[in-house]
N, C-alpha and C. Protein backbone atom coordinates (compact mmCIF):
# COMPACT_ATOMS: atom_id res chain seq x y z
N MET A 1 6.48 10.69 -19.24
CA MET A 1 6.76 9.44 -18.57
C MET A 1 5.71 8.41 -18.98
N HIS A 2 6.17 7.21 -19.26
CA HIS A 2 5.28 6.11 -19.60
C HIS A 2 4.63 5.59 -18.31
N PRO A 3 3.35 5.21 -18.34
CA PRO A 3 2.68 4.72 -17.13
C PRO A 3 3.40 3.56 -16.43
N LEU A 4 4.11 2.72 -17.18
CA LEU A 4 4.80 1.60 -16.56
C LEU A 4 6.14 1.99 -15.94
N ASP A 5 6.55 3.24 -16.14
CA ASP A 5 7.78 3.71 -15.50
C ASP A 5 7.60 3.87 -13.99
N ASN A 6 6.37 4.09 -13.56
CA ASN A 6 6.06 4.26 -12.14
C ASN A 6 4.68 3.66 -11.88
N VAL A 7 4.61 2.35 -12.02
CA VAL A 7 3.33 1.63 -12.03
C VAL A 7 2.54 1.79 -10.73
N ILE A 8 3.20 1.80 -9.58
CA ILE A 8 2.47 1.95 -8.32
C ILE A 8 1.89 3.36 -8.22
N TRP A 9 2.66 4.36 -8.62
CA TRP A 9 2.15 5.74 -8.63
C TRP A 9 0.94 5.83 -9.56
N GLN A 10 1.04 5.22 -10.74
CA GLN A 10 -0.08 5.22 -11.68
C GLN A 10 -1.33 4.61 -11.05
N ALA A 11 -1.17 3.48 -10.39
CA ALA A 11 -2.31 2.82 -9.75
C ALA A 11 -2.93 3.71 -8.68
N LEU A 12 -2.07 4.33 -7.87
CA LEU A 12 -2.57 5.13 -6.74
C LEU A 12 -3.09 6.51 -7.14
N THR A 13 -2.89 6.90 -8.38
CA THR A 13 -3.40 8.20 -8.84
C THR A 13 -4.49 8.04 -9.90
N THR A 14 -4.83 6.79 -10.26
CA THR A 14 -5.88 6.56 -11.26
C THR A 14 -6.92 5.59 -10.71
N ARG A 15 -6.96 4.39 -11.24
CA ARG A 15 -8.02 3.42 -10.90
C ARG A 15 -8.11 3.03 -9.44
N GLN A 16 -7.02 3.07 -8.73
CA GLN A 16 -7.05 2.66 -7.32
C GLN A 16 -6.80 3.84 -6.38
N SER A 17 -7.06 5.03 -6.85
CA SER A 17 -6.82 6.23 -6.04
C SER A 17 -7.67 6.26 -4.77
N GLU A 18 -8.80 5.59 -4.78
CA GLU A 18 -9.66 5.58 -3.59
C GLU A 18 -8.99 4.87 -2.41
N PHE A 19 -7.99 4.04 -2.69
CA PHE A 19 -7.29 3.32 -1.63
C PHE A 19 -6.04 4.05 -1.14
N ALA A 20 -5.66 5.10 -1.82
CA ALA A 20 -4.39 5.77 -1.54
C ALA A 20 -4.39 6.54 -0.22
N GLU A 21 -3.33 6.36 0.54
CA GLU A 21 -3.00 7.22 1.66
C GLU A 21 -1.91 8.12 1.10
N SER A 22 -1.96 9.41 1.37
CA SER A 22 -0.98 10.29 0.74
C SER A 22 -0.47 11.37 1.67
N PHE A 23 0.72 11.84 1.33
CA PHE A 23 1.33 12.99 1.99
C PHE A 23 2.21 13.67 0.95
N GLU A 24 1.87 14.88 0.59
CA GLU A 24 2.58 15.67 -0.41
C GLU A 24 2.86 14.85 -1.67
N LEU A 25 4.13 14.50 -1.95
CA LEU A 25 4.48 13.81 -3.20
C LEU A 25 4.41 12.29 -3.11
N ALA A 26 4.04 11.74 -1.95
CA ALA A 26 4.06 10.29 -1.75
C ALA A 26 2.66 9.71 -1.57
N ARG A 27 2.53 8.47 -2.00
CA ARG A 27 1.28 7.72 -1.80
C ARG A 27 1.62 6.28 -1.43
N ARG A 28 0.68 5.66 -0.77
CA ARG A 28 0.83 4.25 -0.41
C ARG A 28 -0.54 3.58 -0.37
N PHE A 29 -0.53 2.26 -0.51
CA PHE A 29 -1.73 1.49 -0.25
C PHE A 29 -1.86 1.37 1.27
N PRO A 30 -3.04 1.05 1.78
CA PRO A 30 -3.20 0.90 3.23
C PRO A 30 -2.20 -0.09 3.81
N ARG A 31 -1.66 0.26 4.96
CA ARG A 31 -0.64 -0.56 5.63
C ARG A 31 -1.10 -1.99 5.88
N ALA A 32 -2.38 -2.17 6.17
CA ALA A 32 -2.90 -3.51 6.46
C ALA A 32 -2.95 -4.39 5.20
N VAL A 33 -2.82 -3.77 4.03
CA VAL A 33 -2.92 -4.51 2.77
C VAL A 33 -1.54 -4.86 2.21
N THR A 34 -0.67 -3.87 2.12
CA THR A 34 0.65 -4.07 1.51
C THR A 34 1.59 -2.93 1.90
N SER A 35 2.85 -3.12 1.65
CA SER A 35 3.84 -2.08 1.93
C SER A 35 4.20 -1.29 0.66
N LEU A 36 3.47 -1.49 -0.44
CA LEU A 36 3.78 -0.80 -1.69
C LEU A 36 3.54 0.70 -1.57
N THR A 37 4.56 1.46 -1.94
CA THR A 37 4.52 2.92 -1.89
C THR A 37 5.07 3.48 -3.19
N ALA A 38 4.86 4.78 -3.40
CA ALA A 38 5.39 5.45 -4.58
C ALA A 38 5.45 6.95 -4.33
N PHE A 39 6.26 7.62 -5.11
CA PHE A 39 6.23 9.07 -5.12
C PHE A 39 6.27 9.55 -6.55
N SER A 40 5.90 10.81 -6.75
CA SER A 40 5.81 11.35 -8.10
C SER A 40 7.17 11.61 -8.72
N GLU A 41 8.19 11.80 -7.88
CA GLU A 41 9.53 12.05 -8.39
C GLU A 41 10.58 11.61 -7.37
N PRO A 42 11.65 10.97 -7.84
CA PRO A 42 12.72 10.54 -6.93
C PRO A 42 13.66 11.70 -6.60
N SER A 43 13.16 12.61 -5.81
CA SER A 43 13.91 13.81 -5.42
C SER A 43 14.00 13.87 -3.90
N PRO A 44 14.81 14.75 -3.36
CA PRO A 44 14.84 14.89 -1.90
C PRO A 44 13.45 15.15 -1.31
N ARG A 45 12.65 15.95 -1.99
CA ARG A 45 11.29 16.23 -1.52
C ARG A 45 10.41 14.97 -1.59
N GLY A 46 10.58 14.18 -2.65
CA GLY A 46 9.83 12.93 -2.77
C GLY A 46 10.16 11.95 -1.66
N TYR A 47 11.46 11.81 -1.37
CA TYR A 47 11.88 10.92 -0.28
C TYR A 47 11.41 11.45 1.08
N ALA A 48 11.45 12.76 1.26
CA ALA A 48 10.98 13.35 2.52
C ALA A 48 9.48 13.10 2.70
N SER A 49 8.72 13.24 1.62
CA SER A 49 7.28 12.98 1.68
C SER A 49 7.01 11.53 2.03
N LEU A 50 7.77 10.63 1.42
CA LEU A 50 7.60 9.20 1.70
C LEU A 50 7.95 8.89 3.15
N ALA A 51 9.01 9.49 3.66
CA ALA A 51 9.40 9.26 5.06
C ALA A 51 8.30 9.72 6.01
N GLU A 52 7.68 10.86 5.73
CA GLU A 52 6.58 11.36 6.56
C GLU A 52 5.39 10.41 6.50
N LEU A 53 5.08 9.94 5.30
CA LEU A 53 3.93 9.05 5.11
C LEU A 53 4.12 7.71 5.81
N VAL A 54 5.29 7.14 5.70
CA VAL A 54 5.57 5.82 6.28
C VAL A 54 5.76 5.92 7.78
N GLY A 55 6.41 6.97 8.25
CA GLY A 55 6.62 7.16 9.68
C GLY A 55 7.83 6.39 10.20
N ALA A 56 8.27 6.78 11.36
CA ALA A 56 9.43 6.15 12.00
C ALA A 56 9.16 4.68 12.24
N GLY A 57 10.08 3.84 11.82
CA GLY A 57 9.94 2.41 12.02
C GLY A 57 9.00 1.73 11.04
N GLY A 58 8.41 2.51 10.12
CA GLY A 58 7.48 1.94 9.14
C GLY A 58 8.21 1.21 8.03
N THR A 59 7.47 0.47 7.24
CA THR A 59 8.03 -0.30 6.13
C THR A 59 7.45 0.20 4.82
N ALA A 60 8.32 0.35 3.83
CA ALA A 60 7.88 0.78 2.52
C ALA A 60 8.59 -0.04 1.45
N THR A 61 7.85 -0.46 0.44
CA THR A 61 8.42 -1.10 -0.73
C THR A 61 8.30 -0.09 -1.86
N LEU A 62 9.44 0.28 -2.42
CA LEU A 62 9.50 1.32 -3.43
C LEU A 62 10.14 0.74 -4.69
N SER A 63 9.50 0.93 -5.83
CA SER A 63 10.02 0.44 -7.11
C SER A 63 10.40 1.65 -7.95
N LEU A 64 11.67 1.73 -8.32
CA LEU A 64 12.17 2.84 -9.12
C LEU A 64 12.53 2.38 -10.52
N PRO A 65 12.38 3.24 -11.53
CA PRO A 65 12.66 2.84 -12.90
C PRO A 65 14.15 2.78 -13.25
N VAL A 66 15.01 3.15 -12.32
CA VAL A 66 16.45 3.14 -12.56
C VAL A 66 17.15 2.31 -11.49
N PRO A 67 18.29 1.72 -11.81
CA PRO A 67 19.00 0.93 -10.79
C PRO A 67 19.48 1.77 -9.63
């Protein structure tokens, strides 16, 4: 996978990893900063991890490499 295919994931697992909040396959920037989130793979497990991380009623902005 090219780093730009999942740019938020790349940021949260490399240079900006110190800011990452994570749960299993999902990561996010702190809620007070932005709603940008990512997961390592767009699978049922990835979506479940993101749902746990964001929580009920939470907001997530997710960018996927496919329509």
